Each structure stands twice: as C-alpha cells, then as structure tokens.
C-alpha cells in the first residue's frame, strides 16, 4: 500500500483508482483556494469535481468506501475532515444531478397472463423494458408461447434469464444444490435462445457483476458464485412494485411508486447513482386496472426529460 497527498480532484483521484495496489487516498482539500471569473471564492472540492466528470460515480464509490482520506485540521488545513468529505459528496451530487437518470423497468416470471398487455403498452409508450423469463412457462400453453414470441420479436423488449423452473417456488431447497440450480439456468438459456448471459435469481435479490457482490440471503451465495464463474451477470433490484399474492394486483399506488423512484434517484440511494432498477411481475397487469396503473406510472416518469428508459444489459450507465 502507498499513499500520496494532493488536492483531491477527479482527475487525480481516478488516476490513482486505476492503480490496483492503491488502497487509500489522502487528500489535502483545504490547503488551496479557488476563485471564479469574478473573483468569488469557490469551494476547492466543488471546483475540482467540476473539472472532470468522467468518473463521478467511481469517485463517489471510493468516497463512500473510505478510500479517500482527508487530513486532520492544523495550522494549514482549516477544514474539518468531516466537512471536507461532506463538501466533496455534495459537489459530486450536484454534478450527477445534471446528468440523465436511467430507469430499468424489469418484469419477472413471464410469459404469463399479463405479458401481452405489457408488450402492447411498451410499444404504445415507445420505451425499453427488460423481461426476465421462466423457461417452462413458454410451453405451458399456446397463448404463452405466443406471448413469448411477441417479447422476443419486439425491439423494445430485451429478454433475460429467470431460470427454467423458477425453483419450483422452493428456493432454499433449489439453492442448496448449486450444480442443479446452475444447470436449471443453463437449460433456460438454451431452450429460450437468450442472447445475454444475464440472470435474475428467483426469490433472491442478489447482485453479482464486475466488482459488485451483494448477497441478500446466504442460501443463494454458492449458486451465485458458480454462475459468476460461468460468465453470468446477476442483477437484483433497487425498488419493487409489490404484488398482492391473492388478487395479483399491484400493492402500492402509482403516486407512491412515482415518489419513491424520484426520491431514490434524488438522494442517490440506489445501488448505482443515477440508475434505478424497478422490479415488477407480469401477472400484475393481467386486467384493465393493472394495465392502466402501469401506463400511468410510465406517463409520470416520462414527464422528466432527463429520465431515460434503458435495457438492463446497459446497466449501469456511468458518469
């Protein structure tokens, strides 16, 4: 491990972050002052953050993980380290707020009754969605096979792997045999002809891709690791529009979901800032009421010009 003292800025920090052996970064953020074109003082952290926004998210991640250290107050450094850290985080947030926000509408368990309506709404609204499919559902009826074909042939729908059996809804038993579980996902990939090696694990909110590893329940850990070794990326979700198990209808109101999405994007509480993954299930939208709710949520989100609907294959969009 080695350390270097400098005025913390994105250009310098990202250069250090590219060195894999660097475990901590020391920043002297208060030793220098900056003024604008009118001679007004500018917070040093904010000026440096604005200098280069290519790696904002990496800088924020390093800040949150404590990889950027700030010196203690002394005769030269007049800024408390906690204040300096907060100032830098606030500056990063301000820059990120100027960037587009990326929304990933993901639908699990299809094809089911409700899939055809989702497909139609997607086309009518001209937005991208991501469908996590269950292999065995495709051949349960001619109707579901037709709905699967609609998904696969719609350029606004990207299809991904949600297993072949959905674990038979016996998740603990399913994940207790990682070899069997992995074979189940591989069968779904082959039978459905999926082009992406992207998975959402049934009954688990697990993330495993790049340097991200977030496990919600340990019973799925070994299967997730095996899938990762086999080249799969695993995506969970930031927020769920929940389904009523008896009625199959959405639980939260459109307004509640809209506010929650707005708040999470605003306070950067998603896994990756400026990116939010919304989980839904196809059978939430099998009747007119559910379909109207989905349309209303999409319309509410589309009001914001900086909100973009993207495929999960493009997650996360980085700034």
Foldseek 3Di string as FASTA:
>chain_A
DDEDEEQDADVVVVVQVVDVVQQAYEYANQLDWDADPVRHTDRSLLVRHVVDVQFLQVVLVCLVVRRYFYDDDDPRRNDHRVVVSVVNNVSSLVVLVVAFFEEEEEAEADPDQQLVLVLVLCVVLVAAYEYAYAQQQCPPDPVRVVSLVSQVPDPRYAYHHAFHCLQVPPPLVLLQDLVNRLVRRVVSCVRSVHPALEYEYRPWQFFDDDPDGDGDDCSNVVNVVVSVVVPHTYHGFFEEQDADPPPRAGDDALVVVLVVVVVCQSVVVGPGHSYGYYYHYSSNRNDPVSSVRVSVNSVSQVVDPSYHYDHCVCPPDGD
